[in-house]
Amino acid sequence: MTGTRISEIKDKLAQGQDELSRQDAAWLVKRVEELEKENEWLRKELSYLENQGEVGF
């Protein structure tokens, strides 16, 4: 769902429907995407650390 929303924002910005410059908007969208990837990695790391040593059957 987030990916869809980001795509919608990108499309609107590409059409010039915002007061931000396109360069600024592109940077912001790229940064949000990077943070989402980092957040997912951190969740996986946290899950691993919380379950370290447990054996699933």
C-alpha atoms as a PDB file:
ATOM      1  CA  MET A   1       0.000   0.000   0.000  1.00  0.00           C
ATOM      2  CA  THR A   2       2.808   2.396   0.839  1.00  0.00           C
ATOM      3  CA  GLY A   3       4.406   1.684  -2.522  1.00  0.00           C
ATOM      4  CA  THR A   4       1.153   2.607  -4.230  1.00  0.00           C
ATOM      5  CA  ARG A   5       0.910   5.843  -2.294  1.00  0.00           C
ATOM      6  CA  ILE A   6       4.490   6.780  -3.118  1.00  0.00           C
ATOM      7  CA  SER A   7       3.776   6.104  -6.797  1.00  0.00           C
ATOM      8  CA  GLU A   8       0.729   8.364  -6.651  1.00  0.00           C
ATOM      9  CA  ILE A   9       2.773  11.144  -5.041  1.00  0.00           C
ATOM     10  CA  LYS A  10       5.498  10.739  -7.658  1.00  0.00           C
ATOM     11  CA  ASP A  11       2.905  11.015 -10.443  1.00  0.00           C
ATOM     12  CA  LYS A  12       1.344  14.135  -8.944  1.00  0.00           C
ATOM     13  CA  LEU A  13       4.738  15.761  -8.476  1.00  0.00           C
ATOM     14  CA  ALA A  14       5.750  14.867 -12.021  1.00  0.00           C
ATOM     15  CA  GLN A  15       2.661  16.729 -13.208  1.00  0.00           C
ATOM     16  CA  GLY A  16       3.657  19.792 -11.192  1.00  0.00           C
ATOM     17  CA  GLN A  17       0.736  19.676  -8.772  1.00  0.00           C
ATOM     18  CA  ASP A  18       2.743  20.801  -5.761  1.00  0.00           C
ATOM     19  CA  GLU A  19       4.553  23.939  -4.642  1.00  0.00           C
ATOM     20  CA  LEU A  20       7.793  22.039  -3.949  1.00  0.00           C
ATOM     21  CA  SER A  21      10.359  21.993  -6.698  1.00  0.00           C
ATOM     22  CA  ARG A  22      10.530  18.737  -8.565  1.00  0.00           C
ATOM     23  CA  GLN A  23      14.121  18.270  -7.452  1.00  0.00           C
ATOM     24  CA  ASP A  24      13.163  18.651  -3.783  1.00  0.00           C
ATOM     25  CA  ALA A  25      10.180  16.356  -4.152  1.00  0.00           C
ATOM     26  CA  ALA A  26      12.254  13.703  -5.926  1.00  0.00           C
ATOM     27  CA  TRP A  27      14.829  13.823  -3.145  1.00  0.00           C
ATOM     28  CA  LEU A  28      12.133  13.470  -0.486  1.00  0.00           C
ATOM     29  CA  VAL A  29      10.514  10.508  -2.221  1.00  0.00           C
ATOM     30  CA  LYS A  30      13.891   8.802  -2.626  1.00  0.00           C
ATOM     31  CA  ARG A  31      14.667   9.362   1.048  1.00  0.00           C
ATOM     32  CA  VAL A  32      11.346   7.924   2.179  1.00  0.00           C
ATOM     33  CA  GLU A  33      11.982   4.827   0.077  1.00  0.00           C
ATOM     34  CA  GLU A  34      15.447   4.429   1.618  1.00  0.00           C
ATOM     35  CA  LEU A  35      14.026   4.783   5.123  1.00  0.00           C
ATOM     36  CA  GLU A  36      11.373   2.163   4.422  1.00  0.00           C
ATOM     37  CA  LYS A  37      14.058  -0.311   3.339  1.00  0.00           C
ATOM     38  CA  GLU A  38      16.157   0.489   6.401  1.00  0.00           C
ATOM     39  CA  ASN A  39      13.143   0.120   8.668  1.00  0.00           C
ATOM     40  CA  GLU A  40      12.351  -3.318   7.246  1.00  0.00           C
ATOM     41  CA  TRP A  41      15.957  -4.419   7.761  1.00  0.00           C
ATOM     42  CA  LEU A  42      15.873  -3.171  11.358  1.00  0.00           C
ATOM     43  CA  ARG A  43      12.641  -5.078  12.034  1.00  0.00           C
ATOM     44  CA  LYS A  44      14.265  -8.271  10.766  1.00  0.00           C
ATOM     45  CA  GLU A  45      17.350  -7.685  12.906  1.00  0.00           C
ATOM     46  CA  LEU A  46      15.226  -7.023  15.981  1.00  0.00           C
ATOM     47  CA  SER A  47      13.176 -10.141  15.354  1.00  0.00           C
ATOM     48  CA  TYR A  48      16.361 -12.177  14.993  1.00  0.00           C
ATOM     49  CA  LEU A  49      17.805 -10.789  18.229  1.00  0.00           C
ATOM     50  CA  GLU A  50      14.572 -11.381  20.138  1.00  0.00           C
ATOM     51  CA  ASN A  51      14.370 -14.981  18.945  1.00  0.00           C
ATOM     52  CA  GLN A  52      18.074 -15.810  19.007  1.00  0.00           C
ATOM     53  CA  GLY A  53      18.703 -19.273  20.292  1.00  0.00           C
ATOM     54  CA  GLU A  54      15.117 -20.426  19.865  1.00  0.00           C
ATOM     55  CA  VAL A  55      14.491 -23.454  17.722  1.00  0.00           C
ATOM     56  CA  GLY A  56      11.261 -23.631  15.787  1.00  0.00           C
ATOM     57  CA  PHE A  57       9.572 -26.983  15.371  1.00  0.00           C
END
